[in-house]
Amino acid sequence: MQRIPPDQGFRQLDHTADLALEFWAPNQEALLCEGARALIQILTNGRKIEEDSEGPMVIDALDPDDLLVQWLNEILYAATVEGFLFSSADITVDRGHLQANVRGQSGGRGLLATELKSVTYHDLQLTHHAHGWYAHIVVDV
């Protein structure tokens, strides 16, 4: 019997030399949040993230694929360089322009347990169908 995944989630996949992730959600905004949560969960080995800080994020992208990669790389940058660990966001996307209010834990660099370098365009899959959005990404480790 095949297990039907919930409406929203993510899972880590086996990938040669890198890390592959797939995640899904009912809409594009929720998909972006799910991808960000997946990265933070991997970076912190699943530690609990507090919401003690928030701020704006703006991205202009060429297309939905580019938006996904840029968004996730911003999440990685915020975590590894600024110590800001994503927990949630209110996101609006309009023709490649993302505007978000991002919430998370500041000063969280001490919670990082794994190094991830960047989200790549290699093997990127982003699809939209009747049941929602699906993404498959490869992360350089």
N, C-alpha and C. Protein backbone atom coordinates (compact mmCIF):
# COMPACT_ATOMS: atom_id res chain seq x y z
N MET A 1 0.83 -1.17 0.00
CA MET A 1 0.00 0.00 0.00
C MET A 1 0.89 1.25 0.00
N GLN A 2 0.66 2.15 -0.93
CA GLN A 2 1.45 3.36 -1.02
C GLN A 2 0.93 4.41 -0.05
N ARG A 3 1.85 5.02 0.69
CA ARG A 3 1.48 6.06 1.65
C ARG A 3 1.27 7.38 0.93
N ILE A 4 0.16 8.02 1.15
CA ILE A 4 -0.13 9.32 0.55
C ILE A 4 0.41 10.38 1.49
N PRO A 5 1.30 11.26 0.98
CA PRO A 5 1.86 12.28 1.87
C PRO A 5 0.80 13.31 2.26
N PRO A 6 1.01 13.97 3.39
CA PRO A 6 0.08 15.03 3.79
C PRO A 6 0.13 16.17 2.78
N ASP A 7 -0.77 17.14 2.95
CA ASP A 7 -0.84 18.27 2.04
C ASP A 7 0.44 19.08 1.98
N GLN A 8 1.24 19.01 3.03
CA GLN A 8 2.44 19.82 3.11
C GLN A 8 3.50 19.03 3.85
N GLY A 9 4.76 19.12 3.40
CA GLY A 9 5.84 18.41 4.09
C GLY A 9 7.11 18.42 3.28
N PHE A 10 8.12 17.68 3.80
CA PHE A 10 9.38 17.55 3.10
C PHE A 10 10.05 16.25 3.51
N ARG A 11 11.02 15.81 2.70
CA ARG A 11 11.83 14.66 3.06
C ARG A 11 13.17 14.76 2.36
N GLN A 12 14.17 14.19 3.03
CA GLN A 12 15.53 14.17 2.51
C GLN A 12 15.67 12.93 1.64
N LEU A 13 16.36 13.08 0.50
CA LEU A 13 16.55 11.98 -0.43
C LEU A 13 18.03 11.64 -0.56
N ASP A 14 18.33 10.40 -0.91
CA ASP A 14 19.71 10.01 -1.19
C ASP A 14 20.15 10.70 -2.48
N HIS A 15 21.38 11.24 -2.46
CA HIS A 15 21.93 11.90 -3.64
C HIS A 15 23.43 11.80 -3.57
N THR A 16 24.06 11.47 -4.69
CA THR A 16 25.50 11.31 -4.74
C THR A 16 26.20 12.62 -4.40
N ALA A 17 27.01 12.61 -3.35
CA ALA A 17 27.91 13.70 -2.93
C ALA A 17 27.21 14.97 -2.45
N ASP A 18 25.95 15.13 -2.68
CA ASP A 18 25.23 16.31 -2.25
C ASP A 18 24.01 15.88 -1.45
N LEU A 19 23.13 16.80 -1.19
CA LEU A 19 21.90 16.54 -0.46
C LEU A 19 20.73 16.89 -1.36
N ALA A 20 19.80 16.00 -1.49
CA ALA A 20 18.59 16.28 -2.28
C ALA A 20 17.40 16.33 -1.32
N LEU A 21 16.50 17.26 -1.61
CA LEU A 21 15.28 17.40 -0.82
C LEU A 21 14.09 17.50 -1.74
N GLU A 22 12.98 16.98 -1.31
CA GLU A 22 11.73 17.25 -1.99
C GLU A 22 10.75 17.75 -0.95
N PHE A 23 9.91 18.67 -1.37
CA PHE A 23 8.91 19.22 -0.47
C PHE A 23 7.69 19.62 -1.29
N TRP A 24 6.57 19.72 -0.61
CA TRP A 24 5.30 19.95 -1.29
C TRP A 24 4.39 20.76 -0.37
N ALA A 25 3.46 21.47 -0.99
CA ALA A 25 2.52 22.30 -0.23
C ALA A 25 1.37 22.68 -1.14
N PRO A 26 0.27 23.17 -0.56
CA PRO A 26 -0.90 23.49 -1.37
C PRO A 26 -0.76 24.73 -2.25
N ASN A 27 0.19 25.64 -1.92
CA ASN A 27 0.38 26.83 -2.75
C ASN A 27 1.86 27.22 -2.75
N GLN A 28 2.22 28.16 -3.62
CA GLN A 28 3.62 28.53 -3.78
C GLN A 28 4.21 29.13 -2.50
N GLU A 29 3.46 29.97 -1.83
CA GLU A 29 3.95 30.60 -0.61
C GLU A 29 4.24 29.56 0.48
N ALA A 30 3.33 28.61 0.64
CA ALA A 30 3.54 27.55 1.63
C ALA A 30 4.71 26.65 1.22
N LEU A 31 4.90 26.44 -0.08
CA LEU A 31 6.02 25.65 -0.56
C LEU A 31 7.35 26.32 -0.19
N LEU A 32 7.44 27.63 -0.36
CA LEU A 32 8.65 28.35 -0.01
C LEU A 32 8.94 28.20 1.49
N CYS A 33 7.92 28.31 2.32
CA CYS A 33 8.10 28.13 3.76
C CYS A 33 8.53 26.71 4.10
N GLU A 34 7.94 25.75 3.43
CA GLU A 34 8.28 24.35 3.70
C GLU A 34 9.74 24.06 3.34
N GLY A 35 10.19 24.59 2.22
CA GLY A 35 11.59 24.44 1.84
C GLY A 35 12.53 25.08 2.84
N ALA A 36 12.17 26.26 3.32
CA ALA A 36 12.99 26.94 4.32
C ALA A 36 13.03 26.15 5.63
N ARG A 37 11.89 25.62 6.05
CA ARG A 37 11.85 24.80 7.27
C ARG A 37 12.72 23.55 7.12
N ALA A 38 12.69 22.95 5.94
CA ALA A 38 13.51 21.76 5.69
C ALA A 38 14.99 22.08 5.85
N LEU A 39 15.44 23.18 5.26
CA LEU A 39 16.85 23.56 5.37
C LEU A 39 17.24 23.81 6.82
N ILE A 40 16.41 24.54 7.55
CA ILE A 40 16.73 24.85 8.95
C ILE A 40 16.73 23.58 9.79
N GLN A 41 15.80 22.68 9.53
CA GLN A 41 15.78 21.41 10.28
C GLN A 41 17.08 20.62 10.06
N ILE A 42 17.56 20.60 8.82
CA ILE A 42 18.81 19.90 8.53
C ILE A 42 19.99 20.63 9.17
N LEU A 43 20.03 21.95 9.03
CA LEU A 43 21.13 22.73 9.61
C LEU A 43 21.25 22.56 11.12
N THR A 44 20.12 22.41 11.79
CA THR A 44 20.12 22.35 13.26
C THR A 44 19.90 20.95 13.83
N ASN A 45 19.84 19.96 12.96
CA ASN A 45 19.51 18.59 13.39
C ASN A 45 18.19 18.54 14.14
N GLY A 46 17.22 19.35 13.69
CA GLY A 46 15.87 19.30 14.23
C GLY A 46 15.65 20.01 15.55
N ARG A 47 16.59 20.83 15.96
CA ARG A 47 16.40 21.56 17.23
C ARG A 47 15.24 22.54 17.11
N LYS A 48 14.63 22.82 18.24
CA LYS A 48 13.50 23.75 18.29
C LYS A 48 13.98 25.18 18.04
N ILE A 49 13.25 25.88 17.17
CA ILE A 49 13.57 27.26 16.84
C ILE A 49 12.53 28.16 17.50
N GLU A 50 13.00 29.16 18.21
CA GLU A 50 12.13 30.13 18.85
C GLU A 50 11.85 31.28 17.88
N GLU A 51 10.71 31.91 18.02
CA GLU A 51 10.41 33.12 17.24
C GLU A 51 10.62 34.33 18.13
N ASP A 52 11.81 34.93 18.05
CA ASP A 52 12.09 36.11 18.86
C ASP A 52 12.46 37.32 18.02
N SER A 53 12.38 37.16 16.69
CA SER A 53 12.79 38.24 15.80
C SER A 53 12.02 38.13 14.49
N GLU A 54 11.90 39.25 13.79
CA GLU A 54 11.27 39.23 12.48
C GLU A 54 11.80 40.38 11.65
N GLY A 55 11.66 40.24 10.34
CA GLY A 55 12.12 41.30 9.46
C GLY A 55 11.67 41.05 8.03
N PRO A 56 11.85 42.06 7.18
CA PRO A 56 11.41 41.95 5.79
C PRO A 56 12.43 41.23 4.91
N MET A 57 11.94 40.63 3.85
CA MET A 57 12.79 40.06 2.82
C MET A 57 12.12 40.34 1.48
N VAL A 58 12.89 40.80 0.52
CA VAL A 58 12.40 41.09 -0.82
C VAL A 58 13.32 40.40 -1.82
N ILE A 59 12.72 39.72 -2.80
CA ILE A 59 13.48 39.06 -3.85
C ILE A 59 12.80 39.33 -5.18
N ASP A 60 13.59 39.66 -6.18
CA ASP A 60 13.11 39.78 -7.56
C ASP A 60 13.76 38.67 -8.36
N ALA A 61 12.95 37.84 -8.99
CA ALA A 61 13.46 36.66 -9.69
C ALA A 61 12.99 36.64 -11.13
N LEU A 62 13.68 35.84 -11.93
CA LEU A 62 13.34 35.70 -13.34
C LEU A 62 12.09 34.86 -13.55
N ASP A 63 11.94 33.83 -12.73
CA ASP A 63 10.82 32.89 -12.87
C ASP A 63 10.66 32.14 -11.55
N PRO A 64 9.65 31.29 -11.42
CA PRO A 64 9.43 30.57 -10.16
C PRO A 64 10.62 29.70 -9.72
N ASP A 65 11.32 29.09 -10.68
CA ASP A 65 12.51 28.29 -10.33
C ASP A 65 13.57 29.17 -9.68
N ASP A 66 13.86 30.29 -10.32
CA ASP A 66 14.86 31.23 -9.81
C ASP A 66 14.43 31.77 -8.44
N LEU A 67 13.16 32.04 -8.26
CA LEU A 67 12.65 32.54 -6.99
C LEU A 67 12.89 31.52 -5.87
N LEU A 68 12.62 30.26 -6.15
CA LEU A 68 12.83 29.21 -5.16
C LEU A 68 14.30 29.13 -4.74
N VAL A 69 15.18 29.11 -5.71
CA VAL A 69 16.61 28.99 -5.40
C VAL A 69 17.10 30.23 -4.65
N GLN A 70 16.73 31.41 -5.11
CA GLN A 70 17.15 32.63 -4.42
C GLN A 70 16.63 32.66 -2.98
N TRP A 71 15.36 32.33 -2.78
CA TRP A 71 14.75 32.31 -1.45
C TRP A 71 15.50 31.38 -0.51
N LEU A 72 15.73 30.16 -0.96
CA LEU A 72 16.39 29.18 -0.10
C LEU A 72 17.84 29.59 0.19
N ASN A 73 18.52 30.18 -0.78
CA ASN A 73 19.88 30.65 -0.52
C ASN A 73 19.89 31.83 0.45
N GLU A 74 18.87 32.67 0.41
CA GLU A 74 18.75 33.75 1.40
C GLU A 74 18.53 33.17 2.81
N ILE A 75 17.74 32.11 2.90
CA ILE A 75 17.51 31.45 4.19
C ILE A 75 18.82 30.88 4.72
N LEU A 76 19.60 30.23 3.84
CA LEU A 76 20.91 29.68 4.23
C LEU A 76 21.86 30.79 4.68
N TYR A 77 21.91 31.87 3.91
CA TYR A 77 22.78 33.00 4.24
C TYR A 77 22.41 33.58 5.62
N ALA A 78 21.13 33.81 5.82
CA ALA A 78 20.68 34.37 7.09
C ALA A 78 21.09 33.47 8.26
N ALA A 79 20.99 32.16 8.07
CA ALA A 79 21.34 31.22 9.15
C ALA A 79 22.84 31.17 9.39
N THR A 80 23.61 30.98 8.33
CA THR A 80 25.05 30.73 8.51
C THR A 80 25.87 31.99 8.74
N VAL A 81 25.46 33.10 8.15
CA VAL A 81 26.24 34.34 8.29
C VAL A 81 25.68 35.24 9.38
N GLU A 82 24.36 35.40 9.41
CA GLU A 82 23.75 36.32 10.36
C GLU A 82 23.24 35.64 11.63
N GLY A 83 23.17 34.31 11.63
CA GLY A 83 22.68 33.59 12.80
C GLY A 83 21.18 33.65 12.99
N PHE A 84 20.44 34.01 11.92
CA PHE A 84 18.98 34.08 11.99
C PHE A 84 18.40 32.78 11.46
N LEU A 85 17.66 32.07 12.30
CA LEU A 85 17.08 30.78 11.94
C LEU A 85 15.60 30.93 11.65
N PHE A 86 15.21 30.66 10.43
CA PHE A 86 13.84 30.79 9.95
C PHE A 86 12.90 29.87 10.72
N SER A 87 11.71 30.38 11.03
CA SER A 87 10.65 29.52 11.56
C SER A 87 9.35 29.67 10.79
N SER A 88 9.02 30.89 10.33
CA SER A 88 7.79 31.08 9.57
C SER A 88 7.87 32.41 8.81
N ALA A 89 6.90 32.61 7.92
CA ALA A 89 6.87 33.86 7.16
C ALA A 89 5.49 34.10 6.58
N ASP A 90 5.18 35.35 6.39
CA ASP A 90 4.01 35.76 5.60
C ASP A 90 4.59 36.21 4.27
N ILE A 91 4.21 35.53 3.19
CA ILE A 91 4.83 35.76 1.89
C ILE A 91 3.77 36.15 0.87
N THR A 92 4.13 37.11 0.02
CA THR A 92 3.33 37.47 -1.14
C THR A 92 4.24 37.36 -2.35
N VAL A 93 3.78 36.64 -3.38
CA VAL A 93 4.52 36.51 -4.64
C VAL A 93 3.65 37.05 -5.75
N ASP A 94 4.24 37.94 -6.55
CA ASP A 94 3.53 38.51 -7.69
C ASP A 94 4.50 38.66 -8.86
N ARG A 95 4.33 37.84 -9.88
CA ARG A 95 5.16 37.88 -11.09
C ARG A 95 6.65 37.96 -10.81
N GLY A 96 7.14 37.04 -10.01
CA GLY A 96 8.57 36.97 -9.73
C GLY A 96 9.06 37.88 -8.62
N HIS A 97 8.18 38.68 -8.06
CA HIS A 97 8.56 39.57 -6.96
C HIS A 97 8.02 38.98 -5.66
N LEU A 98 8.92 38.71 -4.74
CA LEU A 98 8.55 38.17 -3.43
C LEU A 98 8.74 39.25 -2.39
N GLN A 99 7.74 39.39 -1.57
CA GLN A 99 7.82 40.27 -0.41
C GLN A 99 7.38 39.44 0.78
N ALA A 100 8.22 39.44 1.83
CA ALA A 100 7.92 38.58 2.98
C ALA A 100 8.25 39.27 4.29
N ASN A 101 7.51 38.90 5.32
CA ASN A 101 7.86 39.21 6.69
C ASN A 101 8.29 37.87 7.30
N VAL A 102 9.58 37.76 7.58
CA VAL A 102 10.17 36.50 8.01
C VAL A 102 10.37 36.53 9.52
N ARG A 103 9.96 35.44 10.18
CA ARG A 103 10.11 35.31 11.62
C ARG A 103 11.05 34.16 11.95
N GLY A 104 11.76 34.30 13.07
CA GLY A 104 12.65 33.23 13.49
C GLY A 104 13.45 33.60 14.72
N GLN A 105 14.52 32.88 14.91
CA GLN A 105 15.37 33.05 16.09
C GLN A 105 16.64 33.78 15.70
N SER A 106 16.90 34.89 16.36
CA SER A 106 18.16 35.59 16.14
C SER A 106 19.23 34.99 17.05
N GLY A 107 20.47 35.18 16.68
CA GLY A 107 21.56 34.66 17.50
C GLY A 107 21.58 33.15 17.58
N GLY A 108 21.11 32.49 16.53
CA GLY A 108 20.99 31.04 16.56
C GLY A 108 22.17 30.28 15.97
N ARG A 109 23.27 30.97 15.69
CA ARG A 109 24.42 30.30 15.07
C ARG A 109 24.91 29.11 15.90
N GLY A 110 24.77 29.20 17.22
CA GLY A 110 25.20 28.10 18.09
C GLY A 110 24.37 26.84 17.94
N LEU A 111 23.21 26.94 17.31
CA LEU A 111 22.36 25.76 17.09
C LEU A 111 22.72 25.02 15.80
N LEU A 112 23.57 25.62 14.96
CA LEU A 112 23.92 24.99 13.69
C LEU A 112 24.79 23.77 13.93
N ALA A 113 24.40 22.65 13.34
CA ALA A 113 25.10 21.40 13.54
C ALA A 113 25.63 20.81 12.23
N THR A 114 25.15 21.31 11.11
CA THR A 114 25.49 20.79 9.79
C THR A 114 25.82 21.97 8.88
N GLU A 115 26.75 21.77 7.97
CA GLU A 115 27.09 22.83 7.01
C GLU A 115 26.43 22.54 5.67
N LEU A 116 25.70 23.51 5.17
CA LEU A 116 25.15 23.46 3.82
C LEU A 116 25.68 24.68 3.10
N LYS A 117 26.22 24.50 1.87
CA LYS A 117 26.85 25.61 1.17
C LYS A 117 25.85 26.44 0.38
N SER A 118 25.10 25.79 -0.50
CA SER A 118 24.13 26.55 -1.31
C SER A 118 23.14 25.62 -1.99
N VAL A 119 21.99 26.19 -2.31
CA VAL A 119 20.98 25.49 -3.10
C VAL A 119 21.36 25.71 -4.56
N THR A 120 21.31 24.66 -5.35
CA THR A 120 21.75 24.74 -6.74
C THR A 120 20.57 24.63 -7.71
N TYR A 121 20.85 24.94 -8.96
CA TYR A 121 19.86 24.77 -10.03
C TYR A 121 19.95 23.36 -10.62
N HIS A 122 20.96 22.58 -10.22
CA HIS A 122 21.16 21.22 -10.72
C HIS A 122 19.99 20.33 -10.31
N ASP A 123 19.39 19.66 -11.26
CA ASP A 123 18.27 18.73 -11.02
C ASP A 123 17.05 19.40 -10.38
N LEU A 124 16.95 20.72 -10.49
CA LEU A 124 15.81 21.44 -9.92
C LEU A 124 14.52 21.03 -10.63
N GLN A 125 13.53 20.71 -9.84
CA GLN A 125 12.19 20.43 -10.37
C GLN A 125 11.20 21.24 -9.55
N LEU A 126 10.36 21.97 -10.24
CA LEU A 126 9.30 22.73 -9.59
C LEU A 126 8.06 22.57 -10.43
N THR A 127 7.03 22.00 -9.84
CA THR A 127 5.80 21.77 -10.60
C THR A 127 4.59 22.25 -9.81
N HIS A 128 3.60 22.64 -10.55
CA HIS A 128 2.33 23.07 -10.00
C HIS A 128 1.26 22.19 -10.63
N HIS A 129 0.40 21.61 -9.81
CA HIS A 129 -0.66 20.73 -10.32
C HIS A 129 -1.93 20.98 -9.52
N ALA A 130 -2.93 20.24 -9.80
CA ALA A 130 -4.24 20.45 -9.18
C ALA A 130 -4.21 20.35 -7.65
N HIS A 131 -3.29 19.55 -7.11
CA HIS A 131 -3.24 19.35 -5.66
C HIS A 131 -2.24 20.27 -4.97
N GLY A 132 -1.54 21.10 -5.72
CA GLY A 132 -0.59 22.02 -5.10
C GLY A 132 0.72 22.11 -5.84
N TRP A 133 1.78 22.38 -5.09
CA TRP A 133 3.12 22.59 -5.62
C TRP A 133 4.06 21.52 -5.10
N TYR A 134 5.06 21.17 -5.92
CA TYR A 134 6.07 20.17 -5.58
C TYR A 134 7.43 20.71 -6.01
N ALA A 135 8.44 20.51 -5.18
CA ALA A 135 9.80 20.91 -5.54
C ALA A 135 10.79 19.81 -5.18
N HIS A 136 11.80 19.69 -6.01
CA HIS A 136 12.95 18.81 -5.77
C HIS A 136 14.18 19.68 -5.99
N ILE A 137 15.04 19.77 -4.98
CA ILE A 137 16.24 20.59 -5.08
C ILE A 137 17.47 19.78 -4.67
N VAL A 138 18.63 20.26 -5.08
CA VAL A 138 19.90 19.69 -4.67
C VAL A 138 20.67 20.79 -3.93
N VAL A 139 21.20 20.42 -2.78
CA VAL A 139 21.96 21.35 -1.95
C VAL A 139 23.41 20.91 -1.94
N ASP A 140 24.29 21.85 -2.23
CA ASP A 140 25.73 21.60 -2.18
C ASP A 140 26.16 21.57 -0.72
N VAL A 141 26.80 20.45 -0.32
CA VAL A 141 27.23 20.33 1.08
C VAL A 141 28.74 20.42 1.22
